[in-house]
């Protein structure tokens, strides 16, 4: 089961896809201890859909009534219709927001279903892959009823395979290594074009390996030999005249493909992925009587396209789709209907609403941060040092914060084109109260509420805590909402759908934190916030001047979440922003 719902299998979701959606819903309902009859209804529906003679999506899109299927009533018929027409299933998306991510990950393993996930959590407190691995290593799993030697061996193999497959790197680290190799390849004789592809081009939050597509009309073996002489290559794993795999000293795997000019665009499309997006495109090509591969679009022996990505998509009857959207999450259906979003760009930002100075945990003074923001051409910058509770961040008590606010007033009198906004990253206490008294919060333009401790609370407790904080009259933005640290700490247990819905009702905002180890919200919840009409603030959380550049990583995450300029709080002018902040109180 995927970590996030992928409910669009391209232009025509087939019966198998619809059945899988219903099975996934049943699994997640079982994890929530839902009514057994409801769970059984979805499992029976999956069997009925899988056994249907006609392709249901084709029937619906042709305007024909669905055939009568056992166990499929009006409600399930409507869900089939929604999946067929939009590529999405709202109930499945809701369940993915409610069920802890660790439990969903456990369901991805072979040999473990909802009952065993329940058993692991109930008897051993296992609620993630890491916890399962520890329980297996310590021998605790062997004491569970039903976990015999054969199953334990199967789980051990599955975990080892998954670990080997999912060695990941932060996007910022992968990008630095890619740019260095890119510069090297650009300097080689015979190179006409070279592009980074793969998950880095799709701007995934973490990257497994690097993919490069190189275009030449010259001798491919000679070019490949020169490329393999890159000084940072530690191991050549496989090598040929047009494709090679190597490992850098950092451990990063690099795959290189060399193609001719006539196939460069199709090779770039193919190696950018995702796999699911590529499969959907190939399926579409077949329906058009064509064949799509990394060398181009073909009808028989005739090449219809391949030199550019734009031409390749055009040959399939589609506009070009931005790499960040290529995850088979509805982008092909959107492209068919001319409904692709106009994705946000870094240049759309008018300022930053979360940064720190030397007064808190930052490296630079208030003035230095302000002047750097002014050089970037921004209209505003919110100063949001930590509140008193966060002692490791030299948190400000009411007195120190008041003195900083006076300093902001003085500096605003000097600045030409930038306005400093008065803010604070205020800790949300375990009971949901804010870390500072209303008397000082009332002086702030922006209150960035943050959970920086007690992340181990249950989903019910954590959700109640955040909702109560959001009810404060002075609460503005929820910082790094899930609390995750990529490759280090999973998101805390939290009903994010309830949080997003409450933000809409309350009129406050959520943050998309651009720090490369956070990128929080994830793309799924960015899209959910967009659908609910909740504006997101893309914030650098800068602790030093150079951190303002990290906003580009936040933009990448926003684009993966289908966000447009209108979906982001800090694309507003200062006047528009002040009005929105006023309404949030």
Protein backbone atom coordinates (compact mmCIF):
# COMPACT_ATOMS: atom_id res chain seq x y z
CA UNK A 1 0.00 0.00 0.00
CA UNK A 2 1.44 3.40 -0.90
CA UNK A 3 2.27 5.84 1.87
CA UNK A 4 -0.14 8.36 0.35
CA UNK A 5 -3.18 7.64 -1.81
CA UNK A 6 -2.55 7.45 -5.51
CA UNK A 7 -6.07 7.21 -6.76
CA UNK A 8 -5.50 8.13 -10.38
CA UNK A 9 -4.08 5.43 -12.62
CA UNK A 10 -3.83 7.78 -15.56
CA UNK A 11 -6.61 8.79 -17.90
CA UNK A 12 -8.56 5.55 -17.45
CA UNK A 13 -8.46 3.90 -14.00
CA UNK A 14 -9.26 0.25 -14.64
CA UNK A 15 -11.31 -2.15 -12.51
CA UNK A 16 -8.22 -3.49 -10.76
CA UNK A 17 -7.30 0.02 -9.67
CA UNK A 18 -10.80 0.76 -8.32
CA UNK A 19 -10.79 -2.59 -6.48
CA UNK A 20 -7.43 -1.74 -4.93
CA UNK A 21 -8.82 1.58 -3.68
CA UNK A 22 -11.71 -0.23 -1.97
CA UNK A 23 -9.35 -2.81 -0.43
CA UNK A 24 -7.12 -0.02 0.86
CA UNK A 25 -10.14 1.73 2.40
CA UNK A 26 -11.12 -1.53 4.10
CA UNK A 27 -7.61 -1.98 5.55
CA UNK A 28 -7.53 1.55 6.94
CA UNK A 29 -11.05 1.26 8.36
CA UNK A 30 -9.99 -1.95 10.10
CA UNK A 31 -7.02 -0.12 11.62
CA UNK A 32 -9.51 2.45 12.97
CA UNK A 33 -11.70 -0.29 14.50
CA UNK A 34 -14.60 0.74 12.29
CA UNK A 35 -17.88 -1.14 12.05
CA UNK A 36 -17.10 -4.70 10.77
CA UNK A 37 -20.08 -4.56 8.40
CA UNK A 38 -18.69 -1.40 6.81
CA UNK A 39 -15.27 -3.01 6.38
CA UNK A 40 -16.83 -6.12 4.86
CA UNK A 41 -18.85 -3.96 2.46
CA UNK A 42 -15.67 -2.47 0.96
CA UNK A 43 -13.98 -5.87 0.68
CA UNK A 44 -17.06 -7.31 -1.06
CA UNK A 45 -17.18 -4.27 -3.32
CA UNK A 46 -13.55 -4.84 -4.31
CA UNK A 47 -14.37 -8.43 -5.30
CA UNK A 48 -17.42 -7.30 -7.30
CA UNK A 49 -15.50 -4.62 -9.17
CA UNK A 50 -12.64 -6.98 -9.91
CA UNK A 51 -15.11 -9.55 -11.27
CA UNK A 52 -17.05 -7.14 -13.46
CA UNK A 53 -16.96 -7.96 -17.16
CA UNK A 54 -17.16 -4.35 -18.37
CA UNK A 55 -14.55 -1.70 -17.59
CA UNK A 56 -16.47 0.60 -15.24
CA UNK A 57 -14.55 3.77 -16.03
CA UNK A 58 -15.16 3.32 -19.75
CA UNK A 59 -18.88 2.82 -19.05
CA UNK A 60 -19.07 6.00 -16.97
CA UNK A 61 -17.11 8.13 -19.41
CA UNK A 62 -19.30 6.91 -22.23
CA UNK A 63 -22.37 8.08 -20.30
CA UNK A 64 -23.69 4.53 -19.86
CA UNK A 65 -25.21 3.23 -16.61
CA UNK A 66 -23.09 0.91 -14.52
CA UNK A 67 -24.03 -2.77 -14.58
CA UNK A 68 -25.65 -4.13 -11.43
CA UNK A 69 -22.92 -5.57 -9.23
CA UNK A 70 -23.36 -7.54 -5.99
CA UNK A 71 -22.93 -5.34 -2.91
CA UNK A 72 -22.62 -2.08 -4.88
CA UNK A 73 -25.30 0.38 -3.75
CA UNK A 74 -25.77 4.07 -4.37
CA UNK A 75 -22.91 5.19 -2.09
CA UNK A 76 -20.32 2.88 -3.60
CA UNK A 77 -21.57 3.62 -7.10
CA UNK A 78 -20.93 7.31 -6.48
CA UNK A 79 -17.41 6.54 -5.24
CA UNK A 80 -16.72 4.51 -8.39
CA UNK A 81 -17.98 7.43 -10.43
CA UNK A 82 -15.72 9.89 -8.55
CA UNK A 83 -12.63 7.71 -8.98
CA UNK A 84 -13.37 7.22 -12.68
CA UNK A 85 -13.96 10.90 -13.43
CA UNK A 86 -11.47 12.64 -11.13
CA UNK A 87 -8.86 10.02 -10.33
CA UNK A 88 -9.37 10.67 -6.60
CA UNK A 89 -11.28 9.16 -3.70
CA UNK A 90 -12.02 11.68 -0.89
CA UNK A 91 -12.67 8.96 1.71
CA UNK A 92 -9.30 7.33 1.05
CA UNK A 93 -7.57 10.71 1.30
CA UNK A 94 -9.38 11.38 4.58
CA UNK A 95 -8.30 8.03 6.03
CA UNK A 96 -4.70 8.67 5.03
CA UNK A 97 -4.88 11.87 7.05
CA UNK A 98 -6.35 10.06 10.09
CA UNK A 99 -4.34 6.82 10.31
CA UNK A 100 -0.80 7.21 11.72
CA UNK A 101 1.77 7.09 8.94
CA UNK A 102 3.78 4.40 10.74
CA UNK A 103 0.85 2.00 10.72
CA UNK A 104 0.28 2.64 7.02
CA UNK A 105 3.96 1.84 6.42
CA UNK A 106 3.57 -1.46 8.28
CA UNK A 107 0.71 -2.39 5.97
CA UNK A 108 3.08 -2.05 3.03
CA UNK A 109 5.08 -5.04 4.22
CA UNK A 110 4.14 -8.46 2.88
CA UNK A 111 2.66 -10.94 5.37
CA UNK A 112 1.21 -8.20 7.61
CA UNK A 113 -2.42 -7.15 7.44
CA UNK A 114 -4.54 -4.88 9.63
CA UNK A 115 -5.06 -7.51 12.33
CA UNK A 116 -1.35 -8.06 12.79
CA UNK A 117 -0.70 -4.31 12.76
CA UNK A 118 -3.30 -4.02 15.55
CA UNK A 119 -1.69 -6.87 17.45
CA UNK A 120 1.79 -5.38 17.17
CA UNK A 121 0.59 -2.02 18.46
CA UNK A 122 -1.58 -3.44 21.22
CA UNK A 123 0.88 -5.98 22.63
CA UNK A 124 4.29 -4.44 21.90
CA UNK A 125 3.63 -0.78 21.14
CA UNK A 126 5.06 -1.26 17.64
CA UNK A 127 3.74 1.50 15.39
CA UNK A 128 6.45 2.02 12.76
CA UNK A 129 8.92 0.10 10.63
CA UNK A 130 11.77 1.16 12.91
CA UNK A 131 9.91 -0.15 15.96
CA UNK A 132 9.17 -3.43 14.19
CA UNK A 133 12.82 -3.83 13.28
CA UNK A 134 13.85 -3.22 16.90
CA UNK A 135 11.26 -5.71 18.20
CA UNK A 136 12.49 -8.30 15.70
CA UNK A 137 16.14 -7.71 16.60
CA UNK A 138 15.47 -7.92 20.35
CA UNK A 139 13.50 -11.16 20.05
CA UNK A 140 10.26 -9.68 21.41
CA UNK A 141 8.35 -10.64 18.26
CA UNK A 142 9.00 -14.31 18.86
CA UNK A 143 6.73 -14.21 21.94
CA UNK A 144 3.68 -13.01 20.00
CA UNK A 145 0.97 -15.52 19.16
CA UNK A 146 1.00 -16.29 15.45
CA UNK A 147 4.52 -14.96 14.86
CA UNK A 148 6.33 -18.21 14.20
CA UNK A 149 9.87 -18.73 12.87
CA UNK A 150 8.77 -18.70 9.22
CA UNK A 151 6.93 -15.39 9.53
CA UNK A 152 9.80 -13.83 11.49
CA UNK A 153 12.21 -14.87 8.73
CA UNK A 154 9.90 -13.40 6.08
CA UNK A 155 9.63 -10.12 7.98
CA UNK A 156 13.40 -9.92 8.46
CA UNK A 157 13.96 -10.34 4.72
CA UNK A 158 11.26 -7.82 3.86
CA UNK A 159 12.75 -5.22 6.22
CA UNK A 160 16.28 -5.75 4.88
CA UNK A 161 15.08 -5.37 1.29
CA UNK A 162 13.15 -2.25 2.17
CA UNK A 163 16.13 -0.76 4.01
CA UNK A 164 18.43 -1.37 1.05
CA UNK A 165 15.87 0.12 -1.33
CA UNK A 166 15.18 3.19 0.75
CA UNK A 167 18.59 4.56 1.52
CA UNK A 168 17.75 8.20 1.08
CA UNK A 169 19.50 11.56 1.07
CA UNK A 170 18.13 14.97 1.93
CA UNK A 171 17.24 16.93 -1.19
CA UNK A 172 19.75 19.67 -0.35
CA UNK A 173 22.61 17.16 -0.16
CA UNK A 174 21.56 15.40 -3.34
CA UNK A 175 21.27 18.72 -5.15
CA UNK A 176 24.79 19.78 -4.16
CA UNK A 177 26.26 16.51 -5.45
CA UNK A 178 24.20 16.69 -8.63
CA UNK A 179 25.30 20.25 -9.41
CA UNK A 180 28.96 19.36 -9.00
CA UNK A 181 28.69 16.40 -11.38
CA UNK A 182 26.53 18.44 -13.76
CA UNK A 183 29.26 21.07 -14.04
CA UNK A 184 31.83 18.35 -14.73
CA UNK A 185 29.74 16.78 -17.50
CA UNK A 186 29.07 20.17 -19.10
CA UNK A 187 32.81 20.55 -19.59
CA UNK A 188 33.27 17.26 -21.45
CA UNK A 189 33.87 17.26 -25.18
CA UNK A 190 30.87 16.29 -27.30
CA UNK A 191 28.17 17.11 -24.75
CA UNK A 192 25.29 19.01 -26.34
CA UNK A 193 22.86 18.90 -23.40
CA UNK A 194 22.78 17.37 -19.94
CA UNK A 195 19.95 17.36 -17.43
CA UNK A 196 19.35 15.93 -13.98
CA UNK A 197 16.31 13.63 -13.95
CA UNK A 198 14.78 11.27 -11.38
CA UNK A 199 13.33 12.14 -8.00
CA UNK A 200 15.60 15.17 -7.62
CA UNK A 201 14.06 16.77 -10.70
CA UNK A 202 10.61 15.95 -9.27
CA UNK A 203 11.86 17.67 -6.08
CA UNK A 204 10.99 14.86 -3.72
CA UNK A 205 11.77 15.61 -0.09
CA UNK A 206 14.43 12.87 -0.03
CA UNK A 207 16.41 11.35 -2.91
CA UNK A 208 17.60 7.78 -3.36
CA UNK A 209 19.94 8.19 -6.31
CA UNK A 210 20.82 10.63 -9.08
CA UNK A 211 19.87 10.25 -12.74
CA UNK A 212 21.52 12.13 -15.60
CA UNK A 213 20.52 12.30 -19.25
CA UNK A 214 23.31 13.35 -21.62
CA UNK A 215 22.85 14.25 -25.28
CA UNK A 216 25.60 13.82 -27.84
CA UNK A 217 25.94 13.23 -31.56
CA UNK A 218 29.49 12.01 -31.08
CA UNK A 219 31.19 8.83 -29.87
CA UNK A 220 29.16 7.64 -26.86
CA UNK A 221 31.82 5.23 -25.53
CA UNK A 222 34.48 7.92 -25.57
CA UNK A 223 32.15 10.32 -23.76
CA UNK A 224 31.19 7.69 -21.19
CA UNK A 225 34.86 6.92 -20.47
CA UNK A 226 35.51 10.61 -19.86
CA UNK A 227 32.48 10.86 -17.60
CA UNK A 228 33.56 7.88 -15.50
CA UNK A 229 36.83 9.69 -14.81
CA UNK A 230 34.93 12.10 -12.51
CA UNK A 231 37.23 12.43 -9.47
CA UNK A 232 34.53 11.68 -6.89
CA UNK A 233 33.63 8.27 -8.37
CA UNK A 234 34.34 5.57 -5.78
CA UNK A 235 33.00 2.58 -7.70
CA UNK A 236 31.79 1.82 -11.22
CA UNK A 237 28.97 -0.66 -10.67
CA UNK A 238 28.09 -1.20 -14.35
CA UNK A 239 29.32 0.42 -17.53
CA UNK A 240 28.41 0.46 -21.20
CA UNK A 241 28.62 2.78 -24.17
CA UNK A 242 25.27 4.46 -23.45
CA UNK A 243 24.43 3.70 -19.82
CA UNK A 244 26.41 3.32 -16.61
CA UNK A 245 25.85 3.10 -12.87
CA UNK A 246 28.41 4.37 -10.41
CA UNK A 247 28.73 5.17 -6.75
CA UNK A 248 30.22 8.38 -5.41
CA UNK A 249 32.39 8.56 -2.32
CA UNK A 250 29.39 9.89 -0.40
CA UNK A 251 27.54 6.64 -1.07
CA UNK A 252 25.19 8.27 -3.58
CA UNK A 253 24.41 6.09 -6.60
CA UNK A 254 24.43 7.79 -10.00
CA UNK A 255 22.84 6.42 -13.17
CA UNK A 256 23.82 7.96 -16.50
CA UNK A 257 22.11 7.58 -19.88
CA UNK A 258 23.61 8.92 -23.12
CA UNK A 259 21.23 9.40 -26.05
CA UNK A 260 21.10 11.12 -29.41
CA UNK A 261 19.43 14.46 -30.05
CA UNK A 262 16.30 12.80 -31.48
CA UNK A 263 15.58 10.99 -28.19
CA UNK A 264 16.75 13.46 -25.56
CA UNK A 265 13.28 14.68 -24.53
CA UNK A 266 11.75 11.22 -24.24
CA UNK A 267 14.75 9.91 -22.30
CA UNK A 268 14.50 12.87 -19.92
CA UNK A 269 10.77 12.19 -19.47
CA UNK A 270 11.35 8.47 -18.93
CA UNK A 271 14.18 8.89 -16.41
CA UNK A 272 12.42 11.70 -14.54
CA UNK A 273 9.51 9.38 -13.73
CA UNK A 274 7.77 8.68 -11.52
CA UNK A 275 7.33 5.04 -12.48
CA UNK A 276 3.57 5.34 -11.98
CA UNK A 277 3.41 8.45 -14.20
CA UNK A 278 5.42 6.71 -16.92
CA UNK A 279 3.19 3.64 -16.82
CA UNK A 280 0.11 5.83 -17.19
CA UNK A 281 1.67 7.61 -20.19
CA UNK A 282 2.58 4.32 -21.85
CA UNK A 283 -0.97 3.10 -21.30
CA UNK A 284 -2.24 6.28 -22.91
CA UNK A 285 0.08 5.82 -25.87
CA UNK A 286 -1.32 2.33 -26.46
CA UNK A 287 -4.88 3.68 -26.55
CA UNK A 288 -3.71 6.07 -29.30
CA UNK A 289 -2.19 3.23 -31.31
CA UNK A 290 1.37 4.30 -30.44
CA UNK A 291 4.28 3.09 -28.38
CA UNK A 292 6.16 5.25 -25.87
CA UNK A 293 9.61 4.42 -24.55
CA UNK A 294 12.79 6.28 -23.61
CA UNK A 295 13.65 6.74 -27.29
CA UNK A 296 10.43 8.47 -28.36
CA UNK A 297 6.81 8.06 -29.40
CA UNK A 298 6.40 5.64 -32.29
CA UNK A 299 3.64 4.51 -34.60
CA UNK A 300 5.07 1.41 -36.15
CA UNK A 301 8.59 2.28 -37.28
CA UNK A 302 7.81 6.00 -37.54
CA UNK A 303 9.07 8.23 -34.72
CA UNK A 304 6.43 10.86 -33.96
CA UNK A 305 8.30 12.69 -31.18
CA UNK A 306 11.23 12.41 -28.82
CA UNK A 307 13.55 15.36 -29.21
CA UNK A 308 11.81 17.40 -26.50
CA UNK A 309 9.57 16.64 -23.53
CA UNK A 310 7.00 19.12 -24.82
CA UNK A 311 6.84 17.32 -28.15
CA UNK A 312 6.55 13.94 -26.46
CA UNK A 313 3.57 15.05 -24.37
CA UNK A 314 2.04 16.75 -27.40
CA UNK A 315 2.21 13.51 -29.37
CA UNK A 316 0.12 11.95 -26.58
CA UNK A 317 -2.45 14.75 -26.77
CA UNK A 318 -1.31 16.43 -23.57
CA UNK A 319 0.31 19.70 -22.54
CA UNK A 320 3.69 19.55 -20.82
CA UNK A 321 3.33 18.51 -17.17
CA UNK A 322 5.71 20.00 -14.59
CA UNK A 323 8.07 17.38 -13.10
CA UNK A 324 6.83 18.06 -9.55
CA UNK A 325 3.35 16.82 -10.52
CA UNK A 326 4.45 13.56 -12.14
CA UNK A 327 3.36 11.20 -9.38
CA UNK A 328 0.18 9.72 -10.93
CA UNK A 329 -1.98 11.69 -8.52
CA UNK A 330 -4.45 13.13 -11.01
CA UNK A 331 -2.10 15.17 -13.17
CA UNK A 332 -2.92 13.33 -16.40
CA UNK A 333 -6.66 13.78 -15.95
CA UNK A 334 -6.03 17.45 -15.11
CA UNK A 335 -3.90 17.83 -18.23
CA UNK A 336 -6.64 16.25 -20.35
CA UNK A 337 -9.12 18.78 -19.04
CA UNK A 338 -6.74 21.74 -19.32
CA UNK A 339 -6.92 22.02 -15.51
CA UNK A 340 -3.25 21.83 -14.56
CA UNK A 341 -2.35 24.38 -11.87
CA UNK A 342 -0.14 27.37 -12.63
CA UNK A 343 2.44 26.40 -10.03
CA UNK A 344 3.96 28.91 -7.65
CA UNK A 345 7.46 30.31 -8.34
CA UNK A 346 10.04 31.65 -5.90
CA UNK A 347 9.64 35.11 -7.47
CA UNK A 348 5.99 35.14 -6.35
CA UNK A 349 6.99 35.56 -2.69
CA UNK A 350 6.73 39.07 -1.24
CA UNK A 351 8.40 38.24 2.07
CA UNK A 352 9.12 35.68 4.76
CA UNK A 353 7.03 35.17 7.90
CA UNK A 354 9.37 33.06 10.06
CA UNK A 355 12.99 33.86 10.88
CA UNK A 356 15.31 34.13 13.88
CA UNK A 357 17.94 36.62 15.01
CA UNK A 358 20.88 36.65 17.39
CA UNK A 359 18.45 37.64 20.16
CA UNK A 360 17.11 34.11 19.98
CA UNK A 361 18.79 31.15 18.37
CA UNK A 362 19.97 32.88 15.18
CA UNK A 363 23.44 33.86 14.02
CA UNK A 364 22.78 37.40 12.75
CA UNK A 365 21.48 40.61 14.23
CA UNK A 366 18.04 42.06 13.61
CA UNK A 367 19.54 44.74 11.37
CA UNK A 368 21.56 42.23 9.34
CA UNK A 369 18.50 40.07 8.72
CA UNK A 370 16.45 43.12 7.72
CA UNK A 371 19.06 44.43 5.26
CA UNK A 372 19.44 40.98 3.68
CA UNK A 373 15.67 40.77 3.18
CA UNK A 374 15.65 44.27 1.69
CA UNK A 375 18.36 43.28 -0.80
CA UNK A 376 16.10 40.41 -1.92
CA UNK A 377 13.46 42.96 -2.86
CA UNK A 378 10.90 41.81 -0.31
CA UNK A 379 8.16 44.02 1.06
CA UNK A 380 8.23 42.51 4.55
CA UNK A 381 10.01 40.19 6.95
CA UNK A 382 8.54 38.83 10.17
CA UNK A 383 10.97 38.49 13.09
CA UNK A 384 9.90 35.44 15.09
CA UNK A 385 12.44 34.49 17.73
CA UNK A 386 11.50 31.69 20.12
CA UNK A 387 9.44 32.30 23.23
CA UNK A 388 10.71 31.72 26.75
CA UNK A 389 9.97 28.00 27.12
CA UNK A 390 12.56 26.98 24.54
CA UNK A 391 15.63 27.51 26.68
CA UNK A 392 17.91 25.85 24.13
CA UNK A 393 16.87 28.58 21.71
CA UNK A 394 17.51 31.41 24.20
CA UNK A 395 13.78 32.00 24.21
CA UNK A 396 12.46 35.50 24.87
CA UNK A 397 10.39 36.26 27.93
CA UNK A 398 7.86 39.09 27.84
CA UNK A 399 10.43 41.71 28.84
CA UNK A 400 13.07 40.77 26.25
CA UNK A 401 10.41 40.47 23.56
CA UNK A 402 9.04 43.91 24.40
CA UNK A 403 12.51 45.41 24.00
CA UNK A 404 12.89 43.67 20.63
CA UNK A 405 9.56 45.14 19.49
CA UNK A 406 10.82 48.62 20.35
CA UNK A 407 13.99 47.93 18.35
CA UNK A 408 11.85 46.85 15.37
CA UNK A 409 9.97 50.16 15.56
CA UNK A 410 13.24 52.10 15.46
CA UNK A 411 14.60 50.05 12.56
CA UNK A 412 11.38 50.42 10.57
CA UNK A 413 11.88 54.18 10.71
CA UNK A 414 15.22 53.74 8.94
CA UNK A 415 14.37 51.10 6.32
CA UNK A 416 13.43 52.28 2.85
CA UNK A 417 11.50 49.53 1.10
CA UNK A 418 11.09 46.80 3.72
CA UNK A 419 8.73 46.59 6.68
CA UNK A 420 9.67 44.44 9.66
CA UNK A 421 6.67 42.68 11.17
CA UNK A 422 6.60 41.96 14.89
CA UNK A 423 6.33 38.29 15.63
CA UNK A 424 7.36 35.41 17.85
CA UNK A 425 7.59 31.64 17.53
CA UNK A 426 5.49 30.86 20.58
CA UNK A 427 5.61 27.40 22.09
CA UNK A 428 2.34 25.52 22.29
CA UNK A 429 2.31 24.03 25.79
CA UNK A 430 1.14 20.44 26.35
CA UNK A 431 -2.29 21.67 27.49
CA UNK A 432 -2.69 23.81 24.36
CA UNK A 433 -2.03 27.17 26.01
CA UNK A 434 0.48 29.56 24.47
CA UNK A 435 3.80 30.23 26.14
CA UNK A 436 3.29 34.00 26.49
CA UNK A 437 0.53 36.07 28.07
CA UNK A 438 -2.09 37.77 25.90
CA UNK A 439 -0.85 41.18 27.02
CA UNK A 440 2.39 40.75 25.05
CA UNK A 441 0.84 38.68 22.24
CA UNK A 442 -1.52 41.59 21.56
CA UNK A 443 1.48 43.70 20.52
CA UNK A 444 2.50 41.24 17.79
CA UNK A 445 1.57 41.26 14.12
CA UNK A 446 2.14 37.52 13.85
CA UNK A 447 2.10 34.68 16.36
CA UNK A 448 3.74 31.54 14.94
CA UNK A 449 2.55 28.72 17.18
CA UNK A 450 4.87 25.71 17.37
CA UNK A 451 5.01 22.29 18.99
CA UNK A 452 8.65 21.91 20.00
CA UNK A 453 8.25 19.39 22.83
CA UNK A 454 6.04 16.50 23.94
CA UNK A 455 5.82 15.17 20.40
CA UNK A 456 5.10 11.68 21.72
CA UNK A 457 1.52 12.45 22.72
CA UNK A 458 -1.26 10.33 21.24
CA UNK A 459 -2.99 11.57 18.10
CA UNK A 460 -6.05 12.51 20.14
CA UNK A 461 -4.01 14.46 22.72
CA UNK A 462 -1.78 16.15 20.13
CA UNK A 463 -4.73 17.16 17.98
CA UNK A 464 -6.66 18.55 20.95
CA UNK A 465 -3.55 20.46 22.03
CA UNK A 466 -3.11 22.15 18.64
CA UNK A 467 -6.79 22.91 18.13
CA UNK A 468 -6.92 24.63 21.52
CA UNK A 469 -3.86 26.72 20.66
CA UNK A 470 -5.42 27.75 17.36
CA UNK A 471 -8.44 29.02 19.26
CA UNK A 472 -6.33 31.72 20.87
CA UNK A 473 -7.40 35.12 19.57
CA UNK A 474 -3.77 35.94 18.74
CA UNK A 475 -2.78 32.71 17.00
CA UNK A 476 -1.73 33.28 13.36
CA UNK A 477 0.29 30.42 11.83
CA UNK A 478 0.94 26.81 12.86
CA UNK A 479 4.68 26.21 12.35
CA UNK A 480 6.10 22.94 10.92
CA UNK A 481 2.78 21.23 11.64
CA UNK A 482 3.75 17.54 11.71
CA UNK A 483 7.02 17.96 13.62
CA UNK A 484 8.85 15.55 11.32
CA UNK A 485 12.60 15.63 10.70
CA UNK A 486 13.38 13.81 7.49
CA UNK A 487 15.56 10.69 7.88
CA UNK A 488 15.58 11.31 11.63
CA UNK A 489 12.13 11.66 13.17
CA UNK A 490 8.71 10.68 11.89
CA UNK A 491 5.76 13.02 11.99
CA UNK A 492 4.01 13.10 15.33
CA UNK A 493 0.65 11.38 15.68
CA UNK A 494 -1.87 13.99 14.60
CA UNK A 495 -5.24 14.25 12.85
CA UNK A 496 -3.99 16.67 10.21
CA UNK A 497 -7.31 16.78 8.45
CA UNK A 498 -8.96 18.04 11.64
CA UNK A 499 -6.21 20.64 12.05
CA UNK A 500 -6.62 21.89 8.47
CA UNK A 501 -10.38 22.00 8.79
CA UNK A 502 -10.11 23.91 12.07
CA UNK A 503 -7.70 26.39 10.51
CA UNK A 504 -10.28 27.09 7.82
CA UNK A 505 -13.03 27.61 10.39
CA UNK A 506 -10.81 29.71 12.63
CA UNK A 507 -9.36 31.81 9.78
CA UNK A 508 -5.71 31.16 10.63
CA UNK A 509 -2.92 29.66 8.52
CA UNK A 510 -0.48 26.77 8.32
CA UNK A 511 3.22 26.86 7.54
CA UNK A 512 5.15 25.04 4.87
CA UNK A 513 8.57 25.09 6.52
CA UNK A 514 11.30 25.18 3.87
CA UNK A 515 14.13 23.84 6.03
CA UNK A 516 15.42 20.84 3.99
CA UNK A 517 15.20 18.51 6.98
CA UNK A 518 11.58 19.50 7.56
CA UNK A 519 9.75 20.35 4.31
CA UNK A 520 6.70 20.29 6.53
CA UNK A 521 3.83 20.17 5.42
CA UNK A 522 4.29 17.22 3.10
CA UNK A 523 2.87 17.47 -0.41
CA UNK A 524 -0.24 15.44 0.41
CA UNK A 525 -1.32 17.77 3.20
CA UNK A 526 -0.38 20.83 1.12
CA UNK A 527 -2.88 19.66 -1.44
CA UNK A 528 -5.45 18.95 1.24
CA UNK A 529 -5.02 22.48 2.63
CA UNK A 530 -5.44 23.88 -0.89
CA UNK A 531 -8.66 21.90 -1.33
CA UNK A 532 -9.95 23.23 2.01
CA UNK A 533 -9.07 26.82 1.11
CA UNK A 534 -6.47 27.21 3.89
CA UNK A 535 -3.58 29.51 2.94
CA UNK A 536 -0.05 28.29 3.62
CA UNK A 537 2.93 30.42 4.56
CA UNK A 538 6.13 29.22 2.84
CA UNK A 539 8.73 30.15 5.44
CA UNK A 540 12.50 29.81 5.56
CA UNK A 541 12.73 29.47 9.37
CA UNK A 542 16.06 31.21 8.73
CA UNK A 543 18.63 31.24 11.53
CA UNK A 544 21.28 33.04 9.43
CA UNK A 545 21.40 35.17 6.30
CA UNK A 546 22.12 32.35 3.85
CA UNK A 547 19.04 30.45 5.04
CA UNK A 548 16.75 32.75 3.08
CA UNK A 549 17.88 30.78 0.00
CA UNK A 550 16.22 27.71 1.48
CA UNK A 551 12.85 29.12 0.47
CA UNK A 552 13.43 27.51 -2.92
CA UNK A 553 13.11 24.08 -1.29
CA UNK A 554 9.79 25.16 0.19
CA UNK A 555 8.67 26.29 -3.26
CA UNK A 556 9.53 22.86 -4.63
CA UNK A 557 7.46 21.20 -1.92
CA UNK A 558 4.59 23.61 -2.60
CA UNK A 559 4.69 22.76 -6.30
CA UNK A 560 4.51 19.06 -5.46
CA UNK A 561 1.39 19.95 -3.47
CA UNK A 562 -0.18 21.62 -6.55
CA UNK A 563 0.00 25.07 -4.91
CA UNK A 564 -0.50 28.21 -6.96
CA UNK A 565 0.31 31.80 -6.08
CA UNK A 566 -3.18 32.37 -4.67
CA UNK A 567 -2.78 29.43 -2.25
CA UNK A 568 0.16 31.02 -0.40
CA UNK A 569 -0.12 33.68 2.29
CA UNK A 570 3.18 35.43 1.70
CA UNK A 571 2.57 36.09 -1.97
CA UNK A 572 0.28 38.90 -0.81
CA UNK A 573 1.38 42.52 -0.78
CA UNK A 574 1.97 44.09 2.62
CA UNK A 575 -1.43 45.78 2.50
CA UNK A 576 -3.20 42.54 1.59
CA UNK A 577 -1.25 40.62 4.22
CA UNK A 578 -2.13 43.07 6.98
CA UNK A 579 -5.81 42.72 6.10
CA UNK A 580 -5.61 38.91 6.27
CA UNK A 581 -3.78 39.08 9.60
CA UNK A 582 -6.41 41.44 10.94
CA UNK A 583 -9.21 39.07 9.93
CA UNK A 584 -7.49 36.13 11.64
CA UNK A 585 -8.00 37.78 15.03
